[in-house]
Amino acid sequence: MNIIINQKNHNLPDSISSIQELRRHFNLLATNVMIEHNGVALTADQQGQIQLESGDKIEIVRFVGGG
């Protein structure tokens, strides 16, 4: 499946069909991130429900602390 993540094309295995599986694929399950799917920011609950389709646009933003 071909999707766009942070404005770059990615050809992902067909086994990745949800946002949650995408997070697992990129080792982001234990990381605080904001994910946007086709222009809509997702809550943590929605991430497990959204099914990916070829051509989807995903934005992933990591939160970093500092001071």
C-alpha atoms as a PDB file:
ATOM      1  CA  MET A   1       0.000   0.000   0.000  1.00  0.00           C
ATOM      2  CA  ASN A   2       1.320   3.435  -0.896  1.00  0.00           C
ATOM      3  CA  ILE A   3       0.635   6.250   1.585  1.00  0.00           C
ATOM      4  CA  ILE A   4       2.178   9.639   2.236  1.00  0.00           C
ATOM      5  CA  ILE A   5       3.718  10.104   5.682  1.00  0.00           C
ATOM      6  CA  ASN A   6       5.027  13.552   6.592  1.00  0.00           C
ATOM      7  CA  GLN A   7       4.986  14.511   2.903  1.00  0.00           C
ATOM      8  CA  LYS A   8       7.063  11.499   1.761  1.00  0.00           C
ATOM      9  CA  ASN A   9       5.801   8.484  -0.176  1.00  0.00           C
ATOM     10  CA  HIS A  10       5.998   5.154   1.650  1.00  0.00           C
ATOM     11  CA  ASN A  11       5.198   1.754   0.214  1.00  0.00           C
ATOM     12  CA  LEU A  12       4.008  -0.258   3.219  1.00  0.00           C
ATOM     13  CA  PRO A  13       3.302  -3.979   3.563  1.00  0.00           C
ATOM     14  CA  ASP A  14      -0.351  -4.937   3.101  1.00  0.00           C
ATOM     15  CA  SER A  15      -0.359  -6.225   6.696  1.00  0.00           C
ATOM     16  CA  ILE A  16      -0.447  -2.607   7.900  1.00  0.00           C
ATOM     17  CA  SER A  17      -4.096  -1.674   7.661  1.00  0.00           C
ATOM     18  CA  SER A  18      -4.664   0.673  10.617  1.00  0.00           C
ATOM     19  CA  ILE A  19      -3.036   3.675  12.262  1.00  0.00           C
ATOM     20  CA  GLN A  20      -2.260   1.497  15.287  1.00  0.00           C
ATOM     21  CA  GLU A  21      -0.398  -1.007  13.077  1.00  0.00           C
ATOM     22  CA  LEU A  22       1.432   1.901  11.427  1.00  0.00           C
ATOM     23  CA  ARG A  23       2.593   3.076  14.877  1.00  0.00           C
ATOM     24  CA  ARG A  24       3.759  -0.457  15.665  1.00  0.00           C
ATOM     25  CA  HIS A  25       5.621  -0.663  12.328  1.00  0.00           C
ATOM     26  CA  PHE A  26       7.549   2.547  13.094  1.00  0.00           C
ATOM     27  CA  ASN A  27       8.055   1.666  16.812  1.00  0.00           C
ATOM     28  CA  LEU A  28       5.864   4.537  17.991  1.00  0.00           C
ATOM     29  CA  LEU A  29       3.529   2.686  20.364  1.00  0.00           C
ATOM     30  CA  ALA A  30       5.269   3.932  23.513  1.00  0.00           C
ATOM     31  CA  THR A  31       5.840   7.431  22.121  1.00  0.00           C
ATOM     32  CA  ASN A  32       3.591  10.457  22.557  1.00  0.00           C
ATOM     33  CA  VAL A  33       2.705  11.526  19.047  1.00  0.00           C
ATOM     34  CA  MET A  34      -0.064  13.473  17.372  1.00  0.00           C
ATOM     35  CA  ILE A  35      -1.342  11.793  14.219  1.00  0.00           C
ATOM     36  CA  GLU A  36      -3.342  13.445  11.483  1.00  0.00           C
ATOM     37  CA  HIS A  37      -5.155  11.302   8.908  1.00  0.00           C
ATOM     38  CA  ASN A  38      -6.170  13.070   5.692  1.00  0.00           C
ATOM     39  CA  GLY A  39      -6.199  16.431   7.461  1.00  0.00           C
ATOM     40  CA  VAL A  40      -8.041  15.308  10.611  1.00  0.00           C
ATOM     41  CA  ALA A  41      -6.238  15.094  13.974  1.00  0.00           C
ATOM     42  CA  LEU A  42      -6.980  11.771  15.681  1.00  0.00           C
ATOM     43  CA  THR A  43      -7.532  10.980  19.330  1.00  0.00           C
ATOM     44  CA  ALA A  44      -5.797   7.916  20.779  1.00  0.00           C
ATOM     45  CA  ASP A  45      -9.092   5.985  20.611  1.00  0.00           C
ATOM     46  CA  GLN A  46      -9.608   6.824  16.937  1.00  0.00           C
ATOM     47  CA  GLN A  47      -6.134   5.582  15.986  1.00  0.00           C
ATOM     48  CA  GLY A  48      -7.159   1.951  16.500  1.00  0.00           C
ATOM     49  CA  GLN A  49     -10.330   2.383  14.457  1.00  0.00           C
ATOM     50  CA  ILE A  50      -9.046   4.180  11.353  1.00  0.00           C
ATOM     51  CA  GLN A  51      -8.344   1.851   8.425  1.00  0.00           C
ATOM     52  CA  LEU A  52      -5.646   2.957   6.011  1.00  0.00           C
ATOM     53  CA  GLU A  53      -6.157   3.063   2.268  1.00  0.00           C
ATOM     54  CA  SER A  54      -3.687   3.617  -0.533  1.00  0.00           C
ATOM     55  CA  GLY A  55      -3.171   7.335  -1.112  1.00  0.00           C
ATOM     56  CA  ASP A  56      -3.916   8.371   2.479  1.00  0.00           C
ATOM     57  CA  LYS A  57      -1.953  11.304   3.871  1.00  0.00           C
ATOM     58  CA  ILE A  58      -0.569  10.900   7.387  1.00  0.00           C
ATOM     59  CA  GLU A  59       1.221  13.489   9.475  1.00  0.00           C
ATOM     60  CA  ILE A  60       3.052  12.319  12.590  1.00  0.00           C
ATOM     61  CA  VAL A  61       4.352  14.852  15.102  1.00  0.00           C
ATOM     62  CA  ARG A  62       6.437  13.819  18.108  1.00  0.00           C
ATOM     63  CA  PHE A  63       6.253  15.805  21.293  1.00  0.00           C
ATOM     64  CA  VAL A  64       9.600  16.656  22.835  1.00  0.00           C
ATOM     65  CA  GLY A  65      10.245  18.238  26.189  1.00  0.00           C
ATOM     66  CA  GLY A  66      12.716  20.929  26.897  1.00  0.00           C
ATOM     67  CA  GLY A  67      13.356  23.811  29.070  1.00  0.00           C
END
